């Protein structure tokens, strides 16, 4: 029996589902799990119901003597074989907490980039020699880390957080007309926060490039009032066709009511969860050709891929979907089949089980 301590944050049940479901699905005859997280969450309750111990604690500071001592005490008392850290703020504390212990330390990385061999902070986290392994959510993440890991052996492995089609069978479309969507419009949706990596400036510029008589609308879900104010100023000709929906608890239902998903990201993505959700809901997708998106869409077979930072290409792709809605819908069907087959949730679980076991057998 391999004893594993998972340290993560499951406060948002929707965003954490692909990760949390992994631990609910691991073979309980081979793995004994404990999860350190906020105990007042939907998934904490599911963990307890499945026999997984939950420790009510979330590290909030990057370096804290109190948190280091608490985690170290938990690890020593539990005699864990593996500590798997998913939250970025817990990494340094955990590295210091397991010093001189035999416990294997695993990290998770779901963002492409921002790890540099010349950055001293990197050697306190992902490039620290005490780290025994790093599970990367995409090949682009692995390549980014390996490229900057100059002084120690490669410790990365790619295991993508797959999605289960059953998660989406009961999602009903929302009434998006209440958001301001006009009946008969072809509706694109995208989601994210105000980070530059999302490339919203190019998407909004693309909206302004569309002919005024094109009955196309765009819903941008996520972001606060500052986000809305900042980006609404970038619209001119087709301002009334863009709807800033803000944060939505019923995001999947909103996506289900739209015609297509669009991602204008310029960097950083790693198996984009929002994109995966839209595809699993059968929506055709337009994405940029950045490294982190590779494999999720096959150009002109399951969706369209355009160059990053290219508003004209985004606009042309949107018009292609708009003028050929039946063909676009078929792309959505093929996209769902592609993702279900090549990024299976059950395959993810088996890969986690294999990796945990191989790490202990080394």
Protein backbone atom coordinates (compact mmCIF):
# COMPACT_ATOMS: atom_id res chain seq x y z
CA UNK A 1 0.00 0.00 0.00
CA UNK A 2 1.48 3.34 -1.11
CA UNK A 3 0.61 6.24 1.20
CA UNK A 4 0.15 9.57 -0.58
CA UNK A 5 -0.43 13.06 0.82
CA UNK A 6 -2.01 15.40 -1.73
CA UNK A 7 -1.79 19.15 -1.06
CA UNK A 8 -4.17 21.21 -3.18
CA UNK A 9 -7.10 23.62 -3.15
CA UNK A 10 -10.52 22.31 -4.13
CA UNK A 11 -12.58 25.39 -3.27
CA UNK A 12 -13.93 25.70 -6.83
CA UNK A 13 -15.57 22.36 -7.59
CA UNK A 14 -15.87 23.00 -11.35
CA UNK A 15 -12.30 24.11 -12.03
CA UNK A 16 -10.82 21.43 -9.77
CA UNK A 17 -12.90 18.52 -11.09
CA UNK A 18 -10.37 17.02 -13.56
CA UNK A 19 -7.82 16.87 -10.72
CA UNK A 20 -10.03 15.89 -7.79
CA UNK A 21 -11.70 13.07 -9.71
CA UNK A 22 -8.30 11.45 -10.25
CA UNK A 23 -7.90 10.83 -6.53
CA UNK A 24 -11.46 9.60 -6.15
CA UNK A 25 -10.70 7.05 -8.87
CA UNK A 26 -7.31 5.68 -7.79
CA UNK A 27 -7.22 2.00 -6.84
CA UNK A 28 -7.90 1.99 -3.10
CA UNK A 29 -6.32 -1.45 -2.77
CA UNK A 30 -2.98 -0.01 -3.85
CA UNK A 31 -3.06 3.60 -2.68
CA UNK A 32 -3.98 5.13 0.67
CA UNK A 33 -4.73 8.82 0.20
CA UNK A 34 -4.86 11.83 2.45
CA UNK A 35 -5.82 15.24 1.04
CA UNK A 36 -4.76 18.52 2.64
CA UNK A 37 -7.26 21.17 1.56
CA UNK A 38 -10.19 23.27 2.76
CA UNK A 39 -12.56 20.78 4.40
CA UNK A 40 -15.61 22.96 3.73
CA UNK A 41 -15.88 22.15 0.03
CA UNK A 42 -17.89 19.83 -2.18
CA UNK A 43 -14.90 17.68 -3.04
CA UNK A 44 -13.69 17.47 0.56
CA UNK A 45 -17.03 15.89 1.36
CA UNK A 46 -16.71 13.50 -1.58
CA UNK A 47 -13.23 12.53 -0.41
CA UNK A 48 -14.51 11.71 3.06
CA UNK A 49 -17.43 9.73 1.65
CA UNK A 50 -15.00 7.61 -0.39
CA UNK A 51 -12.81 6.90 2.63
CA UNK A 52 -10.09 9.47 1.91
CA UNK A 53 -8.83 11.36 4.96
CA UNK A 54 -9.08 15.15 4.70
CA UNK A 55 -6.79 17.51 6.64
CA UNK A 56 -8.23 21.00 6.90
CA UNK A 57 -5.29 23.19 5.90
CA UNK A 58 -4.30 25.34 2.91
CA UNK A 59 -0.82 26.91 2.80
CA UNK A 60 -1.24 30.63 2.07
CA UNK A 61 2.33 31.94 2.30
CA UNK A 62 5.20 31.03 0.03
CA UNK A 63 7.61 30.76 2.98
CA UNK A 64 6.26 30.28 6.50
CA UNK A 65 7.93 28.61 9.47
CA UNK A 66 4.52 27.77 10.88
CA UNK A 67 3.36 26.11 7.67
CA UNK A 68 6.66 24.27 7.23
CA UNK A 69 6.41 22.89 10.75
CA UNK A 70 2.76 21.87 10.29
CA UNK A 71 3.38 20.06 7.00
CA UNK A 72 6.52 18.36 8.32
CA UNK A 73 4.66 17.09 11.36
CA UNK A 74 1.83 15.72 9.14
CA UNK A 75 4.32 13.97 6.84
CA UNK A 76 6.31 12.42 9.73
CA UNK A 77 3.24 11.25 11.62
CA UNK A 78 1.57 9.87 8.50
CA UNK A 79 4.74 8.19 7.24
CA UNK A 80 3.79 9.07 3.67
CA UNK A 81 5.66 7.55 0.76
CA UNK A 82 4.76 10.44 -1.55
CA UNK A 83 3.84 14.08 -1.02
CA UNK A 84 2.22 15.51 -4.16
CA UNK A 85 1.94 19.31 -4.23
CA UNK A 86 -0.44 21.03 -6.64
CA UNK A 87 -0.63 24.55 -5.19
CA UNK A 88 2.19 26.90 -6.13
CA UNK A 89 2.26 28.68 -2.78
CA UNK A 90 2.92 25.40 -0.95
CA UNK A 91 5.97 24.34 -2.96
CA UNK A 92 8.77 26.07 -1.04
CA UNK A 93 7.19 25.21 2.31
CA UNK A 94 6.90 21.55 1.31
CA UNK A 95 10.45 21.33 0.01
CA UNK A 96 11.70 22.61 3.37
CA UNK A 97 9.21 20.44 5.28
CA UNK A 98 10.45 17.14 3.80
CA UNK A 99 14.18 17.86 4.13
CA UNK A 100 16.12 14.81 5.31
CA UNK A 101 12.97 12.68 5.07
CA UNK A 102 12.71 9.67 2.76
CA UNK A 103 9.36 10.83 1.38
CA UNK A 104 9.22 11.31 -2.38
CA UNK A 105 8.28 14.88 -3.31
CA UNK A 106 6.19 15.45 -6.44
CA UNK A 107 5.11 18.77 -7.94
CA UNK A 108 2.48 19.60 -10.53
CA UNK A 109 2.86 22.19 -13.27
CA UNK A 110 -0.04 23.30 -15.45
CA UNK A 111 1.38 26.47 -17.02
CA UNK A 112 3.80 26.74 -19.93
CA UNK A 113 6.74 29.07 -19.32
CA UNK A 114 7.90 31.41 -16.54
CA UNK A 115 10.59 29.00 -15.34
CA UNK A 116 14.09 30.21 -16.19
CA UNK A 117 17.49 28.70 -15.42
CA UNK A 118 18.86 32.17 -14.59
CA UNK A 119 16.12 32.92 -12.04
CA UNK A 120 17.26 32.12 -8.46
CA UNK A 121 13.65 31.57 -7.38
CA UNK A 122 13.34 28.64 -9.80
CA UNK A 123 15.92 26.71 -7.74
CA UNK A 124 13.71 27.10 -4.67
CA UNK A 125 10.81 25.45 -6.51
CA UNK A 126 10.69 23.39 -9.71
CA UNK A 127 14.45 23.22 -10.24
CA UNK A 128 15.23 22.37 -6.61
CA UNK A 129 17.32 19.16 -6.33
CA UNK A 130 15.03 17.82 -3.56
CA UNK A 131 12.15 17.51 -6.02
CA UNK A 132 11.79 13.88 -7.15
CA UNK A 133 9.35 14.42 -9.98
CA UNK A 134 7.11 16.92 -11.77
CA UNK A 135 3.86 15.94 -13.45
CA UNK A 136 3.28 18.27 -16.41
CA UNK A 137 -0.17 18.83 -17.85
CA UNK A 138 1.13 19.02 -21.42
CA UNK A 139 4.24 18.42 -23.50
CA UNK A 140 4.81 22.16 -23.74
CA UNK A 141 5.16 22.38 -19.95
CA UNK A 142 7.64 19.51 -19.90
CA UNK A 143 9.76 21.04 -22.66
CA UNK A 144 9.75 24.41 -20.88
CA UNK A 145 11.03 22.89 -17.64
CA UNK A 146 13.53 20.52 -19.28
CA UNK A 147 14.99 23.35 -21.35
CA UNK A 148 15.82 25.28 -18.19
CA UNK A 149 16.91 22.34 -16.05
CA UNK A 150 20.65 22.58 -16.73
CA UNK A 151 22.17 21.23 -13.56
CA UNK A 152 20.22 18.10 -12.57
CA UNK A 153 18.61 15.10 -14.23
CA UNK A 154 15.27 15.44 -15.97
CA UNK A 155 12.40 14.69 -13.61
CA UNK A 156 9.40 15.59 -15.72
CA UNK A 157 6.60 13.39 -17.02
CA UNK A 158 3.56 14.38 -19.09
CA UNK A 159 0.19 13.27 -17.74
CA UNK A 160 -2.66 15.38 -19.05
CA UNK A 161 -5.76 15.87 -16.91
CA UNK A 162 -8.25 14.07 -19.10
CA UNK A 163 -12.00 14.65 -19.18
CA UNK A 164 -14.83 12.16 -18.83
CA UNK A 165 -17.78 12.58 -21.26
CA UNK A 166 -20.15 11.58 -18.44
CA UNK A 167 -19.37 14.85 -16.65
CA UNK A 168 -21.23 16.74 -19.37
CA UNK A 169 -24.27 14.56 -20.10
CA UNK A 170 -26.60 16.47 -17.78
CA UNK A 171 -25.53 20.00 -18.72
CA UNK A 172 -28.56 21.96 -19.94
CA UNK A 173 -28.18 25.13 -22.07
CA UNK A 174 -28.69 28.40 -20.20
CA UNK A 175 -30.95 31.19 -21.36
CA UNK A 176 -28.26 33.37 -22.92
CA UNK A 177 -30.87 35.77 -24.30
CA UNK A 178 -31.15 37.13 -20.78
CA UNK A 179 -27.49 38.14 -21.14
CA UNK A 180 -28.31 40.24 -24.19
CA UNK A 181 -27.82 37.68 -26.96
CA UNK A 182 -30.15 38.34 -29.89
CA UNK A 183 -32.20 35.50 -31.29
CA UNK A 184 -30.72 34.05 -34.46
CA UNK A 185 -27.18 35.26 -33.76
CA UNK A 186 -24.18 32.97 -34.17
CA UNK A 187 -22.64 33.08 -30.70
CA UNK A 188 -18.98 32.53 -29.79
CA UNK A 189 -17.86 32.21 -26.20
CA UNK A 190 -14.49 32.53 -24.52
CA UNK A 191 -13.50 32.67 -20.88
CA UNK A 192 -10.62 33.81 -18.70
CA UNK A 193 -9.27 36.65 -16.63
CA UNK A 194 -7.51 39.84 -17.60
CA UNK A 195 -4.07 38.34 -18.03
CA UNK A 196 -2.27 39.35 -21.22
CA UNK A 197 -1.67 35.69 -22.09
CA UNK A 198 -5.36 35.35 -23.01
CA UNK A 199 -4.89 37.70 -25.96
CA UNK A 200 -8.27 39.41 -25.60
CA UNK A 201 -6.96 42.55 -27.27
CA UNK A 202 -6.61 40.56 -30.51
CA UNK A 203 -10.00 38.94 -30.13
CA UNK A 204 -11.73 42.28 -29.60
CA UNK A 205 -9.86 43.74 -32.55
CA UNK A 206 -11.09 40.77 -34.59
CA UNK A 207 -14.66 41.57 -33.54
CA UNK A 208 -14.23 45.10 -34.87
CA UNK A 209 -12.98 43.65 -38.16
CA UNK A 210 -16.21 41.70 -38.76
CA UNK A 211 -18.71 43.16 -41.22
CA UNK A 212 -21.40 45.09 -39.39
CA UNK A 213 -24.11 43.01 -41.05
CA UNK A 214 -22.58 39.71 -39.79
CA UNK A 215 -24.98 38.43 -37.12
CA UNK A 216 -22.18 37.33 -34.79
CA UNK A 217 -21.97 37.89 -31.04
CA UNK A 218 -19.24 37.14 -28.53
CA UNK A 219 -19.63 36.29 -24.85
CA UNK A 220 -16.58 36.81 -22.64
CA UNK A 221 -17.05 34.99 -19.34
CA UNK A 222 -14.84 35.77 -16.35
CA UNK A 223 -13.15 38.88 -15.02
CA UNK A 224 -14.31 41.64 -12.70
CA UNK A 225 -15.51 45.22 -13.30
CA UNK A 226 -11.97 46.45 -13.94
CA UNK A 227 -11.61 43.74 -16.56
CA UNK A 228 -14.83 44.82 -18.28
CA UNK A 229 -13.92 48.51 -18.19
CA UNK A 230 -10.42 47.91 -19.54
CA UNK A 231 -11.42 45.78 -22.50
CA UNK A 232 -14.71 47.42 -23.45
CA UNK A 233 -12.70 50.56 -24.29
CA UNK A 234 -10.94 48.61 -27.03
CA UNK A 235 -14.18 48.07 -28.93
CA UNK A 236 -15.44 50.49 -31.55
CA UNK A 237 -17.52 49.35 -34.52
CA UNK A 238 -19.12 46.20 -33.08
CA UNK A 239 -19.18 47.13 -29.42
CA UNK A 240 -22.81 46.12 -28.95
CA UNK A 241 -22.03 42.58 -30.18
CA UNK A 242 -19.72 41.77 -27.27
CA UNK A 243 -21.19 40.69 -23.94
CA UNK A 244 -19.05 40.73 -20.80
CA UNK A 245 -20.74 38.08 -18.64
CA UNK A 246 -18.35 38.17 -15.68
CA UNK A 247 -17.89 35.15 -13.43
CA UNK A 248 -20.58 32.51 -13.95
CA UNK A 249 -21.27 29.55 -11.69
CA UNK A 250 -23.31 28.10 -14.56
CA UNK A 251 -20.52 28.55 -17.10
CA UNK A 252 -20.94 25.08 -18.62
CA UNK A 253 -24.62 25.79 -19.25
CA UNK A 254 -23.73 29.11 -20.90
CA UNK A 255 -21.18 27.36 -23.11
CA UNK A 256 -23.75 24.70 -23.99
CA UNK A 257 -26.08 27.42 -25.28
CA UNK A 258 -23.45 28.93 -27.60
CA UNK A 259 -22.49 27.88 -31.10
CA UNK A 260 -18.71 27.78 -30.80
CA UNK A 261 -15.73 28.38 -28.51
CA UNK A 262 -12.82 30.66 -29.35
CA UNK A 263 -9.43 31.00 -27.66
CA UNK A 264 -7.09 33.87 -28.54
CA UNK A 265 -4.31 32.96 -26.07
CA UNK A 266 -0.80 34.06 -26.99
CA UNK A 267 1.16 31.92 -24.50
CA UNK A 268 1.05 30.01 -21.22
CA UNK A 269 -1.76 27.56 -21.92
CA UNK A 270 -1.40 23.91 -21.01
CA UNK A 271 -4.30 21.74 -22.11
CA UNK A 272 -6.76 24.62 -21.72
CA UNK A 273 -9.51 23.39 -19.37
CA UNK A 274 -12.17 25.79 -20.65
CA UNK A 275 -11.41 24.71 -24.21
CA UNK A 276 -11.60 21.04 -23.23
CA UNK A 277 -14.96 21.59 -21.53
CA UNK A 278 -16.38 23.32 -24.61
CA UNK A 279 -15.16 20.55 -26.89
CA UNK A 280 -16.65 17.90 -24.60
CA UNK A 281 -19.94 19.79 -24.89
CA UNK A 282 -19.68 19.30 -28.66
CA UNK A 283 -18.72 22.87 -29.54
CA UNK A 284 -16.44 23.54 -32.54
CA UNK A 285 -13.40 25.56 -31.54
CA UNK A 286 -11.10 28.18 -32.96
CA UNK A 287 -7.73 28.26 -31.21
CA UNK A 288 -4.29 29.79 -31.65
CA UNK A 289 -1.33 27.66 -32.64
CA UNK A 290 0.65 28.08 -29.42
CA UNK A 291 2.59 25.15 -27.94
CA UNK A 292 0.20 24.62 -25.03
CA UNK A 293 -2.75 24.04 -27.37
CA UNK A 294 -1.06 21.37 -29.48
CA UNK A 295 -3.09 18.22 -29.98
CA UNK A 296 -6.36 19.57 -28.65
CA UNK A 297 -7.65 20.56 -32.09
CA UNK A 298 -6.81 19.13 -35.51
CA UNK A 299 -6.97 21.91 -38.07
CA UNK A 300 -10.01 21.70 -40.37
CA UNK A 301 -10.90 18.26 -38.93
CA UNK A 302 -12.01 19.08 -35.40
CA UNK A 303 -11.74 22.87 -35.46
CA UNK A 304 -9.61 25.72 -36.79
CA UNK A 305 -6.10 26.78 -35.72
CA UNK A 306 -4.91 30.32 -36.44
CA UNK A 307 -1.64 32.15 -35.72
CA UNK A 308 -1.36 33.82 -32.31
CA UNK A 309 -1.51 37.64 -32.11
CA UNK A 310 -3.35 37.79 -35.45
CA UNK A 311 -6.71 39.53 -35.26
CA UNK A 312 -7.35 39.19 -38.98
CA UNK A 313 -6.94 35.41 -38.83
CA UNK A 314 -9.30 35.22 -35.86
CA UNK A 315 -11.91 37.27 -37.70
CA UNK A 316 -11.63 35.15 -40.86
CA UNK A 317 -12.03 31.95 -38.85
CA UNK A 318 -15.10 33.35 -37.09
CA UNK A 319 -16.64 34.23 -40.44
CA UNK A 320 -15.91 30.74 -41.73
CA UNK A 321 -17.88 29.23 -38.84
CA UNK A 322 -20.65 31.80 -39.30
CA UNK A 323 -21.09 31.21 -43.03
CA UNK A 324 -20.90 27.40 -42.70
CA UNK A 325 -22.74 26.55 -39.45
CA UNK A 326 -23.56 22.94 -40.44
CA UNK A 327 -19.93 22.17 -41.28
CA UNK A 328 -18.81 23.86 -38.07
CA UNK A 329 -21.23 21.76 -36.04
CA UNK A 330 -19.71 18.62 -37.57
CA UNK A 331 -16.28 19.82 -36.48
CA UNK A 332 -17.66 19.98 -32.94
CA UNK A 333 -18.83 16.37 -33.11
CA UNK A 334 -15.44 15.23 -34.41
CA UNK A 335 -13.68 17.33 -31.78
CA UNK A 336 -15.54 15.64 -28.95
CA UNK A 337 -14.68 12.20 -30.33
CA UNK A 338 -11.01 13.19 -30.72
CA UNK A 339 -10.71 14.51 -27.17
CA UNK A 340 -12.58 11.54 -25.66
CA UNK A 341 -10.30 9.08 -27.39
CA UNK A 342 -6.95 10.81 -26.99
CA UNK A 343 -7.36 12.56 -23.62
CA UNK A 344 -9.35 10.00 -21.69
CA UNK A 345 -9.91 10.58 -17.99
CA UNK A 346 -9.57 6.87 -17.29
CA UNK A 347 -6.22 6.85 -19.07
CA UNK A 348 -5.12 9.74 -16.83
CA UNK A 349 -5.97 7.73 -13.72
CA UNK A 350 -4.02 4.69 -14.95
CA UNK A 351 -1.02 6.89 -15.76
CA UNK A 352 -1.07 8.43 -12.28
CA UNK A 353 -1.21 4.96 -10.73
CA UNK A 354 1.69 3.76 -12.87
CA UNK A 355 3.81 6.82 -12.14
CA UNK A 356 3.24 6.70 -8.39
CA UNK A 357 4.18 3.02 -8.35
CA UNK A 358 7.27 3.47 -10.52
CA UNK A 359 8.47 6.33 -8.34
CA UNK A 360 8.42 4.11 -5.25
CA UNK A 361 10.04 1.20 -7.10
CA UNK A 362 13.06 3.31 -8.11
